[in-house]
Amino acid sequence: MSTWTSKALGVLVLLGLAACQPGAGLSTLGMAAQKPVTVLNGSLRVAGPKGYCPDPATVAEADDSAVVFLGRCAAENGVRPAVLTVSAGAAGSGIAMASGGESLAAFFKTDAGRATLARSGRARDITLGTALADGDLFLMRIEDRSEGVYWRGMLALGGRLVSISATGPDLPPPDGRILVETTATALQRANPRP
């Protein structure tokens, strides 16, 4: 792996992906209307797919990064309960996506890569299943001892690395993947390229 690729993948560690796991206390019912939440001094708008709303009370920003949780909108009882987590890294962190899907998959198979994905911070708690690039989105099927099986996606938006995960106690992994993909599409629409 080239030095440039190693530095770009190091950005993933700095993003602190382990801290971006959903909290158990977030309700997936009763979110307000489906309006985007703006974070990072207006540089990123967080929007969810149909039926899922960002919860402004969960917005956490620090050191040029942000985390926002999304749950079912109040009027969407027919939508599967799930917690969507959108985290954004520092300005320029999106360069990690330039290394491509194969390099990202190789990184996340290492102990350091798996540790960044683990809620516990321990590589041994993560089993990485599928890891693939789908257009601008990098997708991973992850098994975490404390979270179970879920999907996570990554993409670059406005120069920032953005991570998306979908979890829920009764969320089948195929539905989780669809939620990650549709959240990525909603984010791309809310943050069009200049």
N, C-alpha and C. Protein backbone atom coordinates (compact mmCIF):
# COMPACT_ATOMS: atom_id res chain seq x y z
N MET A 1 0.86 -1.16 0.00
CA MET A 1 0.00 0.00 0.00
C MET A 1 0.91 1.23 0.00
N SER A 2 0.62 2.20 -0.83
CA SER A 2 1.45 3.38 -0.92
C SER A 2 1.33 4.23 0.33
N THR A 3 2.32 5.12 0.53
CA THR A 3 2.27 6.02 1.68
C THR A 3 1.04 6.89 1.61
N TRP A 4 0.69 7.38 0.41
CA TRP A 4 -0.49 8.24 0.25
C TRP A 4 -1.75 7.49 0.68
N THR A 5 -1.88 6.24 0.23
CA THR A 5 -3.05 5.45 0.59
C THR A 5 -3.08 5.21 2.10
N SER A 6 -1.93 4.93 2.69
CA SER A 6 -1.87 4.72 4.14
C SER A 6 -2.32 5.97 4.89
N LYS A 7 -1.88 7.15 4.43
CA LYS A 7 -2.30 8.39 5.09
C LYS A 7 -3.79 8.62 4.91
N ALA A 8 -4.30 8.35 3.71
CA ALA A 8 -5.74 8.54 3.47
C ALA A 8 -6.56 7.61 4.35
N LEU A 9 -6.12 6.38 4.48
CA LEU A 9 -6.86 5.44 5.32
C LEU A 9 -6.71 5.78 6.79
N GLY A 10 -5.60 6.43 7.14
CA GLY A 10 -5.42 6.89 8.51
C GLY A 10 -6.49 7.90 8.91
N VAL A 11 -7.02 8.61 7.93
CA VAL A 11 -8.10 9.56 8.19
C VAL A 11 -9.30 8.83 8.78
N LEU A 12 -9.52 7.60 8.35
CA LEU A 12 -10.64 6.82 8.87
C LEU A 12 -10.50 6.62 10.37
N VAL A 13 -9.28 6.39 10.81
CA VAL A 13 -9.04 6.21 12.24
C VAL A 13 -9.32 7.52 12.96
N LEU A 14 -8.86 8.62 12.39
CA LEU A 14 -9.06 9.93 13.02
C LEU A 14 -10.55 10.28 13.11
N LEU A 15 -11.33 9.78 12.18
CA LEU A 15 -12.76 10.06 12.19
C LEU A 15 -13.41 9.47 13.44
N GLY A 16 -12.78 8.46 13.99
CA GLY A 16 -13.31 7.87 15.22
C GLY A 16 -14.59 7.10 14.95
N LEU A 17 -14.56 6.20 14.00
CA LEU A 17 -15.77 5.49 13.61
C LEU A 17 -16.38 4.71 14.77
N ALA A 18 -15.57 4.26 15.69
CA ALA A 18 -16.13 3.49 16.80
C ALA A 18 -17.07 4.34 17.64
N ALA A 19 -16.83 5.63 17.72
CA ALA A 19 -17.69 6.52 18.51
C ALA A 19 -18.98 6.84 17.80
N CYS A 20 -19.14 6.41 16.58
CA CYS A 20 -20.31 6.78 15.78
C CYS A 20 -21.39 5.73 15.80
N GLN A 21 -21.34 4.82 16.72
CA GLN A 21 -22.38 3.81 16.83
C GLN A 21 -23.60 4.42 17.51
N PRO A 22 -24.79 3.96 17.16
CA PRO A 22 -25.98 4.52 17.75
C PRO A 22 -26.08 4.25 19.24
N GLY A 23 -26.66 5.22 19.95
CA GLY A 23 -26.88 5.08 21.38
C GLY A 23 -28.19 4.36 21.64
N ALA A 24 -28.24 3.63 22.70
CA ALA A 24 -29.43 2.84 23.01
C ALA A 24 -30.63 3.71 23.38
N GLY A 25 -30.40 4.94 23.83
CA GLY A 25 -31.48 5.77 24.32
C GLY A 25 -32.27 6.50 23.26
N LEU A 26 -31.90 6.44 22.00
CA LEU A 26 -32.60 7.19 20.97
C LEU A 26 -33.93 6.52 20.64
N SER A 27 -34.97 7.28 20.72
CA SER A 27 -36.30 6.77 20.35
C SER A 27 -36.43 6.80 18.84
N THR A 28 -37.05 5.79 18.27
CA THR A 28 -37.29 5.79 16.83
C THR A 28 -38.71 6.22 16.52
N LEU A 29 -39.39 6.80 17.48
CA LEU A 29 -40.75 7.27 17.26
C LEU A 29 -40.85 8.75 17.59
N GLY A 30 -41.72 9.45 16.86
CA GLY A 30 -42.05 10.80 17.24
C GLY A 30 -41.11 11.89 16.77
N MET A 31 -40.24 11.63 15.81
CA MET A 31 -39.39 12.68 15.29
C MET A 31 -40.27 13.71 14.58
N ALA A 32 -39.79 14.91 14.49
CA ALA A 32 -40.56 15.99 13.86
C ALA A 32 -40.63 15.79 12.35
N ALA A 33 -41.02 16.83 11.66
CA ALA A 33 -41.15 16.76 10.20
C ALA A 33 -39.81 16.45 9.55
N GLN A 34 -39.89 15.90 8.35
CA GLN A 34 -38.70 15.48 7.64
C GLN A 34 -37.99 16.68 7.02
N LYS A 35 -37.17 17.38 7.83
CA LYS A 35 -36.40 18.52 7.37
C LYS A 35 -34.93 18.23 7.63
N PRO A 36 -34.05 18.62 6.70
CA PRO A 36 -32.62 18.41 6.94
C PRO A 36 -32.12 19.21 8.14
N VAL A 37 -31.06 18.72 8.75
CA VAL A 37 -30.36 19.41 9.83
C VAL A 37 -29.02 19.85 9.25
N THR A 38 -28.66 21.10 9.48
CA THR A 38 -27.39 21.62 8.99
C THR A 38 -26.36 21.56 10.11
N VAL A 39 -25.17 21.03 9.78
CA VAL A 39 -24.09 20.91 10.77
C VAL A 39 -22.80 21.47 10.17
N LEU A 40 -21.80 21.58 11.02
CA LEU A 40 -20.46 22.00 10.63
C LEU A 40 -20.47 23.35 9.90
N ASN A 41 -21.06 24.32 10.58
CA ASN A 41 -21.13 25.69 10.05
C ASN A 41 -21.75 25.75 8.67
N GLY A 42 -22.74 24.92 8.44
CA GLY A 42 -23.46 24.94 7.18
C GLY A 42 -22.81 24.17 6.06
N SER A 43 -21.72 23.47 6.33
CA SER A 43 -21.02 22.75 5.25
C SER A 43 -21.65 21.40 4.92
N LEU A 44 -22.57 20.90 5.76
CA LEU A 44 -23.21 19.62 5.50
C LEU A 44 -24.66 19.66 5.97
N ARG A 45 -25.54 19.19 5.08
CA ARG A 45 -26.96 19.05 5.43
C ARG A 45 -27.25 17.56 5.58
N VAL A 46 -27.81 17.19 6.73
CA VAL A 46 -28.13 15.78 7.00
C VAL A 46 -29.62 15.59 6.79
N ALA A 47 -29.94 14.73 5.84
CA ALA A 47 -31.33 14.40 5.51
C ALA A 47 -31.45 12.89 5.46
N GLY A 48 -32.64 12.40 5.77
CA GLY A 48 -32.87 10.96 5.75
C GLY A 48 -33.70 10.53 4.56
N PRO A 49 -33.78 9.23 4.35
CA PRO A 49 -34.66 8.71 3.31
C PRO A 49 -36.12 8.89 3.73
N LYS A 50 -37.03 8.64 2.84
CA LYS A 50 -38.46 8.81 3.12
C LYS A 50 -38.84 8.06 4.40
N GLY A 51 -39.46 8.79 5.31
CA GLY A 51 -39.94 8.21 6.55
C GLY A 51 -38.99 8.32 7.72
N TYR A 52 -37.76 8.81 7.50
CA TYR A 52 -36.77 8.92 8.57
C TYR A 52 -36.33 10.37 8.68
N CYS A 53 -36.33 10.87 9.91
CA CYS A 53 -36.03 12.28 10.17
C CYS A 53 -34.82 12.42 11.10
N PRO A 54 -33.97 13.42 10.82
CA PRO A 54 -32.89 13.71 11.76
C PRO A 54 -33.47 14.25 13.07
N ASP A 55 -32.88 13.88 14.17
CA ASP A 55 -33.30 14.36 15.47
C ASP A 55 -32.33 15.46 15.90
N PRO A 56 -32.75 16.73 15.83
CA PRO A 56 -31.85 17.83 16.17
C PRO A 56 -31.27 17.71 17.59
N ALA A 57 -31.99 17.05 18.49
CA ALA A 57 -31.50 16.90 19.86
C ALA A 57 -30.29 15.98 19.94
N THR A 58 -30.03 15.18 18.90
CA THR A 58 -28.91 14.24 18.94
C THR A 58 -27.68 14.77 18.23
N VAL A 59 -27.74 15.95 17.66
CA VAL A 59 -26.59 16.49 16.93
C VAL A 59 -25.43 16.71 17.90
N ALA A 60 -24.29 16.15 17.55
CA ALA A 60 -23.07 16.34 18.34
C ALA A 60 -21.97 16.81 17.40
N GLU A 61 -21.39 17.95 17.68
CA GLU A 61 -20.30 18.49 16.87
C GLU A 61 -19.11 18.78 17.76
N ALA A 62 -17.92 18.39 17.27
CA ALA A 62 -16.67 18.67 17.99
C ALA A 62 -15.50 18.49 17.04
N ASP A 63 -14.52 19.36 17.18
CA ASP A 63 -13.28 19.23 16.40
C ASP A 63 -13.53 19.02 14.91
N ASP A 64 -14.40 19.79 14.33
CA ASP A 64 -14.67 19.75 12.89
C ASP A 64 -15.24 18.40 12.44
N SER A 65 -16.00 17.75 13.31
CA SER A 65 -16.70 16.53 12.95
C SER A 65 -18.09 16.58 13.57
N ALA A 66 -18.98 15.72 13.09
CA ALA A 66 -20.35 15.74 13.59
C ALA A 66 -20.97 14.36 13.52
N VAL A 67 -21.94 14.12 14.41
CA VAL A 67 -22.74 12.90 14.41
C VAL A 67 -24.20 13.31 14.57
N VAL A 68 -25.07 12.71 13.75
CA VAL A 68 -26.51 12.97 13.82
C VAL A 68 -27.23 11.63 13.75
N PHE A 69 -28.22 11.44 14.63
CA PHE A 69 -29.05 10.25 14.59
C PHE A 69 -30.37 10.57 13.92
N LEU A 70 -30.91 9.60 13.19
CA LEU A 70 -32.20 9.73 12.54
C LEU A 70 -33.07 8.56 12.97
N GLY A 71 -34.36 8.82 13.12
CA GLY A 71 -35.32 7.78 13.46
C GLY A 71 -36.57 7.97 12.64
N ARG A 72 -37.55 7.12 12.89
CA ARG A 72 -38.82 7.24 12.15
C ARG A 72 -39.44 8.60 12.41
N CYS A 73 -39.96 9.20 11.35
CA CYS A 73 -40.71 10.45 11.51
C CYS A 73 -42.02 10.15 12.23
N ALA A 74 -42.58 11.14 12.90
CA ALA A 74 -43.79 10.95 13.71
C ALA A 74 -44.95 10.38 12.91
N ALA A 75 -45.10 10.80 11.68
CA ALA A 75 -46.26 10.38 10.88
C ALA A 75 -46.01 9.09 10.10
N GLU A 76 -44.92 8.40 10.36
CA GLU A 76 -44.53 7.24 9.54
C GLU A 76 -44.59 5.94 10.33
N ASN A 77 -45.74 5.57 10.83
CA ASN A 77 -45.85 4.32 11.58
C ASN A 77 -45.62 3.10 10.71
N GLY A 78 -45.79 3.22 9.39
CA GLY A 78 -45.59 2.09 8.49
C GLY A 78 -44.13 1.86 8.12
N VAL A 79 -43.24 2.71 8.60
CA VAL A 79 -41.81 2.58 8.31
C VAL A 79 -41.16 1.71 9.38
N ARG A 80 -40.28 0.83 8.95
CA ARG A 80 -39.61 -0.09 9.88
C ARG A 80 -38.80 0.70 10.91
N PRO A 81 -38.95 0.39 12.21
CA PRO A 81 -38.15 1.08 13.23
C PRO A 81 -36.66 0.80 13.01
N ALA A 82 -35.87 1.85 13.00
CA ALA A 82 -34.43 1.72 12.83
C ALA A 82 -33.78 3.00 13.31
N VAL A 83 -32.52 2.90 13.67
CA VAL A 83 -31.72 4.07 13.98
C VAL A 83 -30.68 4.20 12.89
N LEU A 84 -30.68 5.35 12.24
CA LEU A 84 -29.68 5.67 11.23
C LEU A 84 -28.69 6.63 11.87
N THR A 85 -27.43 6.37 11.69
CA THR A 85 -26.39 7.23 12.23
C THR A 85 -25.60 7.81 11.06
N VAL A 86 -25.47 9.12 11.04
CA VAL A 86 -24.67 9.79 10.02
C VAL A 86 -23.56 10.53 10.75
N SER A 87 -22.32 10.21 10.42
CA SER A 87 -21.19 10.91 11.03
C SER A 87 -20.32 11.49 9.92
N ALA A 88 -19.81 12.67 10.17
CA ALA A 88 -18.98 13.37 9.18
C ALA A 88 -17.65 13.72 9.80
N GLY A 89 -16.59 13.44 9.06
CA GLY A 89 -15.24 13.75 9.52
C GLY A 89 -14.84 15.17 9.18
N ALA A 90 -13.63 15.49 9.51
CA ALA A 90 -13.10 16.83 9.31
C ALA A 90 -13.02 17.19 7.83
N ALA A 91 -12.94 18.49 7.57
CA ALA A 91 -12.75 18.96 6.20
C ALA A 91 -11.51 18.28 5.62
N GLY A 92 -11.64 17.77 4.41
CA GLY A 92 -10.54 17.09 3.73
C GLY A 92 -10.49 15.60 3.98
N SER A 93 -11.24 15.09 4.96
CA SER A 93 -11.19 13.66 5.28
C SER A 93 -11.75 12.78 4.17
N GLY A 94 -12.54 13.37 3.27
CA GLY A 94 -13.11 12.61 2.16
C GLY A 94 -12.08 12.02 1.22
N ILE A 95 -10.84 12.47 1.33
CA ILE A 95 -9.78 11.93 0.47
C ILE A 95 -9.60 10.43 0.69
N ALA A 96 -10.01 9.93 1.85
CA ALA A 96 -9.90 8.50 2.12
C ALA A 96 -10.65 7.68 1.07
N MET A 97 -11.70 8.25 0.48
CA MET A 97 -12.48 7.53 -0.53
C MET A 97 -11.74 7.42 -1.85
N ALA A 98 -10.74 8.26 -2.06
CA ALA A 98 -9.99 8.24 -3.33
C ALA A 98 -9.19 6.97 -3.51
N SER A 99 -8.88 6.27 -2.43
CA SER A 99 -8.08 5.05 -2.54
C SER A 99 -8.86 3.89 -3.15
N GLY A 100 -10.18 4.01 -3.19
CA GLY A 100 -11.00 3.00 -3.85
C GLY A 100 -11.44 1.88 -2.93
N GLY A 101 -12.43 1.13 -3.43
CA GLY A 101 -13.04 0.07 -2.66
C GLY A 101 -12.10 -1.03 -2.22
N GLU A 102 -11.19 -1.45 -3.09
CA GLU A 102 -10.28 -2.54 -2.73
C GLU A 102 -9.37 -2.14 -1.57
N SER A 103 -8.84 -0.91 -1.62
CA SER A 103 -7.97 -0.45 -0.54
C SER A 103 -8.74 -0.29 0.76
N LEU A 104 -9.96 0.24 0.67
CA LEU A 104 -10.78 0.39 1.87
C LEU A 104 -11.10 -0.98 2.48
N ALA A 105 -11.48 -1.93 1.63
CA ALA A 105 -11.78 -3.28 2.13
C ALA A 105 -10.55 -3.89 2.78
N ALA A 106 -9.38 -3.72 2.17
CA ALA A 106 -8.14 -4.26 2.73
C ALA A 106 -7.86 -3.63 4.10
N PHE A 107 -8.06 -2.32 4.22
CA PHE A 107 -7.83 -1.65 5.50
C PHE A 107 -8.76 -2.19 6.58
N PHE A 108 -10.06 -2.32 6.27
CA PHE A 108 -11.01 -2.75 7.28
C PHE A 108 -10.88 -4.22 7.65
N LYS A 109 -10.08 -4.97 6.92
CA LYS A 109 -9.80 -6.36 7.30
C LYS A 109 -8.64 -6.44 8.28
N THR A 110 -7.88 -5.35 8.43
CA THR A 110 -6.76 -5.34 9.38
C THR A 110 -7.29 -5.14 10.80
N ASP A 111 -6.43 -5.42 11.78
CA ASP A 111 -6.81 -5.19 13.17
C ASP A 111 -7.15 -3.72 13.41
N ALA A 112 -6.34 -2.82 12.87
CA ALA A 112 -6.60 -1.38 13.07
C ALA A 112 -7.93 -0.98 12.44
N GLY A 113 -8.22 -1.50 11.25
CA GLY A 113 -9.47 -1.18 10.58
C GLY A 113 -10.68 -1.71 11.32
N ARG A 114 -10.60 -2.96 11.78
CA ARG A 114 -11.72 -3.54 12.52
C ARG A 114 -11.92 -2.82 13.85
N ALA A 115 -10.84 -2.38 14.48
CA ALA A 115 -10.95 -1.65 15.75
C ALA A 115 -11.71 -0.33 15.55
N THR A 116 -11.52 0.33 14.40
CA THR A 116 -12.24 1.59 14.16
C THR A 116 -13.73 1.35 14.00
N LEU A 117 -14.12 0.15 13.60
CA LEU A 117 -15.53 -0.17 13.41
C LEU A 117 -16.22 -0.65 14.69
N ALA A 118 -15.43 -1.12 15.64
CA ALA A 118 -16.00 -1.74 16.84
C ALA A 118 -16.44 -0.71 17.86
N ARG A 119 -17.62 -0.90 18.39
CA ARG A 119 -18.10 -0.02 19.46
C ARG A 119 -17.17 -0.10 20.66
N SER A 120 -16.62 -1.26 20.89
CA SER A 120 -15.71 -1.47 22.02
C SER A 120 -14.31 -0.96 21.73
N GLY A 121 -13.99 -0.74 20.45
CA GLY A 121 -12.64 -0.35 20.07
C GLY A 121 -11.70 -1.54 19.93
N ARG A 122 -12.24 -2.77 20.08
CA ARG A 122 -11.41 -3.98 20.00
C ARG A 122 -11.68 -4.70 18.68
N ALA A 123 -10.62 -4.92 17.91
CA ALA A 123 -10.74 -5.58 16.61
C ALA A 123 -11.39 -6.94 16.72
N ARG A 124 -11.11 -7.66 17.78
CA ARG A 124 -11.64 -9.03 17.93
C ARG A 124 -13.17 -9.07 18.02
N ASP A 125 -13.80 -7.92 18.29
CA ASP A 125 -15.26 -7.88 18.39
C ASP A 125 -15.95 -7.71 17.04
N ILE A 126 -15.18 -7.58 15.97
CA ILE A 126 -15.72 -7.32 14.63
C ILE A 126 -15.39 -8.44 13.67
N THR A 127 -16.40 -8.86 12.91
CA THR A 127 -16.20 -9.74 11.77
C THR A 127 -16.70 -8.97 10.55
N LEU A 128 -15.83 -8.77 9.60
CA LEU A 128 -16.20 -8.04 8.39
C LEU A 128 -16.66 -9.04 7.34
N GLY A 129 -17.90 -8.88 6.91
CA GLY A 129 -18.44 -9.73 5.87
C GLY A 129 -18.20 -9.09 4.52
N THR A 130 -19.25 -8.81 3.81
CA THR A 130 -19.16 -8.17 2.50
C THR A 130 -18.57 -6.78 2.63
N ALA A 131 -17.67 -6.44 1.71
CA ALA A 131 -17.12 -5.08 1.60
C ALA A 131 -16.99 -4.79 0.12
N LEU A 132 -17.73 -3.78 -0.35
CA LEU A 132 -17.74 -3.52 -1.78
C LEU A 132 -18.02 -2.06 -2.09
N ALA A 133 -17.57 -1.64 -3.25
CA ALA A 133 -17.87 -0.29 -3.74
C ALA A 133 -19.09 -0.37 -4.64
N ASP A 134 -20.00 0.59 -4.46
CA ASP A 134 -21.21 0.68 -5.27
C ASP A 134 -21.33 2.14 -5.71
N GLY A 135 -20.72 2.46 -6.83
CA GLY A 135 -20.66 3.85 -7.28
C GLY A 135 -19.81 4.65 -6.32
N ASP A 136 -20.36 5.75 -5.80
CA ASP A 136 -19.64 6.61 -4.85
C ASP A 136 -19.69 6.08 -3.42
N LEU A 137 -20.45 5.03 -3.20
CA LEU A 137 -20.67 4.50 -1.85
C LEU A 137 -19.85 3.24 -1.63
N PHE A 138 -19.16 3.18 -0.48
CA PHE A 138 -18.46 1.97 -0.07
C PHE A 138 -19.32 1.32 1.01
N LEU A 139 -19.67 0.06 0.83
CA LEU A 139 -20.58 -0.66 1.74
C LEU A 139 -19.87 -1.80 2.45
N MET A 140 -20.24 -2.00 3.72
CA MET A 140 -19.71 -3.11 4.50
C MET A 140 -20.82 -3.75 5.31
N ARG A 141 -20.82 -5.07 5.33
CA ARG A 141 -21.70 -5.83 6.22
C ARG A 141 -20.84 -6.23 7.40
N ILE A 142 -21.22 -5.79 8.59
CA ILE A 142 -20.39 -5.92 9.78
C ILE A 142 -21.13 -6.73 10.83
N GLU A 143 -20.39 -7.60 11.50
CA GLU A 143 -20.93 -8.27 12.69
C GLU A 143 -20.13 -7.80 13.88
N ASP A 144 -20.81 -7.10 14.79
CA ASP A 144 -20.19 -6.57 16.00
C ASP A 144 -20.78 -7.32 17.19
N ARG A 145 -19.94 -7.81 18.07
CA ARG A 145 -20.44 -8.58 19.22
C ARG A 145 -21.49 -7.82 20.01
N SER A 146 -21.35 -6.49 20.12
CA SER A 146 -22.31 -5.73 20.93
C SER A 146 -23.48 -5.18 20.13
N GLU A 147 -23.39 -5.14 18.80
CA GLU A 147 -24.45 -4.56 17.97
C GLU A 147 -25.18 -5.58 17.11
N GLY A 148 -24.58 -6.73 16.90
CA GLY A 148 -25.14 -7.70 15.97
C GLY A 148 -24.68 -7.40 14.55
N VAL A 149 -25.45 -7.86 13.58
CA VAL A 149 -25.09 -7.67 12.17
C VAL A 149 -25.77 -6.42 11.65
N TYR A 150 -25.00 -5.57 11.00
CA TYR A 150 -25.57 -4.36 10.41
C TYR A 150 -24.73 -3.93 9.21
N TRP A 151 -25.25 -2.98 8.46
CA TRP A 151 -24.55 -2.42 7.29
C TRP A 151 -24.06 -1.03 7.60
N ARG A 152 -22.90 -0.69 7.05
CA ARG A 152 -22.34 0.65 7.14
C ARG A 152 -21.88 1.06 5.75
N GLY A 153 -22.10 2.32 5.43
CA GLY A 153 -21.64 2.86 4.16
C GLY A 153 -20.79 4.09 4.39
N MET A 154 -19.93 4.38 3.42
CA MET A 154 -19.08 5.57 3.48
C MET A 154 -19.06 6.23 2.12
N LEU A 155 -19.06 7.56 2.14
CA LEU A 155 -18.94 8.33 0.91
C LEU A 155 -18.32 9.67 1.25
N ALA A 156 -17.87 10.36 0.23
CA ALA A 156 -17.32 11.70 0.40
C ALA A 156 -18.39 12.71 0.01
N LEU A 157 -18.62 13.69 0.88
CA LEU A 157 -19.55 14.78 0.61
C LEU A 157 -18.88 16.09 1.00
N GLY A 158 -18.78 17.00 0.08
CA GLY A 158 -18.19 18.29 0.38
C GLY A 158 -16.79 18.18 0.94
N GLY A 159 -16.04 17.18 0.49
CA GLY A 159 -14.67 16.99 0.97
C GLY A 159 -14.56 16.27 2.30
N ARG A 160 -15.69 15.89 2.89
CA ARG A 160 -15.69 15.19 4.18
C ARG A 160 -16.03 13.72 4.00
N LEU A 161 -15.42 12.87 4.80
CA LEU A 161 -15.79 11.46 4.84
C LEU A 161 -17.05 11.35 5.68
N VAL A 162 -18.08 10.75 5.12
CA VAL A 162 -19.35 10.59 5.81
C VAL A 162 -19.63 9.09 5.95
N SER A 163 -19.94 8.68 7.17
CA SER A 163 -20.25 7.29 7.47
C SER A 163 -21.72 7.19 7.82
N ILE A 164 -22.37 6.13 7.33
CA ILE A 164 -23.80 5.90 7.56
C ILE A 164 -23.96 4.49 8.08
N SER A 165 -24.72 4.32 9.17
CA SER A 165 -25.04 2.97 9.61
C SER A 165 -26.53 2.88 9.88
N ALA A 166 -27.05 1.67 9.78
CA ALA A 166 -28.47 1.40 10.03
C ALA A 166 -28.54 0.21 10.98
N THR A 167 -29.15 0.43 12.15
CA THR A 167 -29.28 -0.63 13.14
C THR A 167 -30.69 -0.64 13.71
N GLY A 168 -31.03 -1.74 14.31
CA GLY A 168 -32.33 -1.88 14.96
C GLY A 168 -32.49 -3.31 15.40
N PRO A 169 -33.19 -3.54 16.52
CA PRO A 169 -33.29 -4.90 17.05
C PRO A 169 -34.00 -5.86 16.11
N ASP A 170 -34.91 -5.37 15.31
CA ASP A 170 -35.64 -6.24 14.38
C ASP A 170 -35.39 -5.85 12.93
N LEU A 171 -34.21 -5.28 12.66
CA LEU A 171 -33.88 -4.84 11.31
C LEU A 171 -33.07 -5.92 10.59
N PRO A 172 -33.69 -6.63 9.64
CA PRO A 172 -32.93 -7.64 8.91
C PRO A 172 -31.79 -6.99 8.13
N PRO A 173 -30.62 -7.63 8.07
CA PRO A 173 -29.48 -7.04 7.37
C PRO A 173 -29.79 -6.56 5.94
N PRO A 174 -30.58 -7.29 5.13
CA PRO A 174 -30.86 -6.75 3.79
C PRO A 174 -31.60 -5.41 3.83
N ASP A 175 -32.51 -5.25 4.80
CA ASP A 175 -33.21 -3.98 4.95
C ASP A 175 -32.26 -2.89 5.42
N GLY A 176 -31.31 -3.26 6.28
CA GLY A 176 -30.30 -2.31 6.73
C GLY A 176 -29.47 -1.78 5.58
N ARG A 177 -29.10 -2.67 4.67
CA ARG A 177 -28.33 -2.23 3.49
C ARG A 177 -29.15 -1.24 2.67
N ILE A 178 -30.40 -1.54 2.45
CA ILE A 178 -31.26 -0.63 1.68
C ILE A 178 -31.35 0.72 2.37
N LEU A 179 -31.48 0.74 3.69
CA LEU A 179 -31.54 2.00 4.42
C LEU A 179 -30.24 2.79 4.29
N VAL A 180 -29.10 2.12 4.33
CA VAL A 180 -27.82 2.81 4.15
C VAL A 180 -27.76 3.42 2.75
N GLU A 181 -28.15 2.64 1.75
CA GLU A 181 -28.11 3.13 0.37
C GLU A 181 -29.06 4.31 0.16
N THR A 182 -30.28 4.22 0.69
CA THR A 182 -31.23 5.30 0.48
C THR A 182 -30.85 6.54 1.31
N THR A 183 -30.21 6.35 2.44
CA THR A 183 -29.71 7.49 3.21
C THR A 183 -28.58 8.18 2.44
N ALA A 184 -27.71 7.40 1.83
CA ALA A 184 -26.63 7.98 1.01
C ALA A 184 -27.22 8.82 -0.11
N THR A 185 -28.26 8.31 -0.76
CA THR A 185 -28.91 9.06 -1.84
C THR A 185 -29.53 10.35 -1.31
N ALA A 186 -30.19 10.28 -0.14
CA ALA A 186 -30.79 11.48 0.46
C ALA A 186 -29.71 12.51 0.80
N LEU A 187 -28.59 12.05 1.31
CA LEU A 187 -27.49 12.97 1.63
C LEU A 187 -26.91 13.61 0.38
N GLN A 188 -26.75 12.83 -0.68
CA GLN A 188 -26.23 13.39 -1.93
C GLN A 188 -27.17 14.43 -2.50
N ARG A 189 -28.47 14.19 -2.40
CA ARG A 189 -29.45 15.17 -2.90
C ARG A 189 -29.42 16.45 -2.07
N ALA A 190 -29.24 16.29 -0.75
CA ALA A 190 -29.22 17.45 0.14
C ALA A 190 -27.91 18.24 0.05
N ASN A 191 -26.88 17.61 -0.51
CA ASN A 191 -25.56 18.24 -0.63
C ASN A 191 -25.04 18.10 -2.06
N PRO A 192 -25.70 18.78 -3.02
CA PRO A 192 -25.27 18.62 -4.40
C PRO A 192 -23.85 19.12 -4.63
N ARG A 193 -23.18 18.49 -5.55
CA ARG A 193 -21.81 18.93 -5.88
C ARG A 193 -21.88 20.28 -6.56
N PRO A 194 -20.90 21.15 -6.27
CA PRO A 194 -20.91 22.48 -6.91
C PRO A 194 -20.67 22.40 -8.41
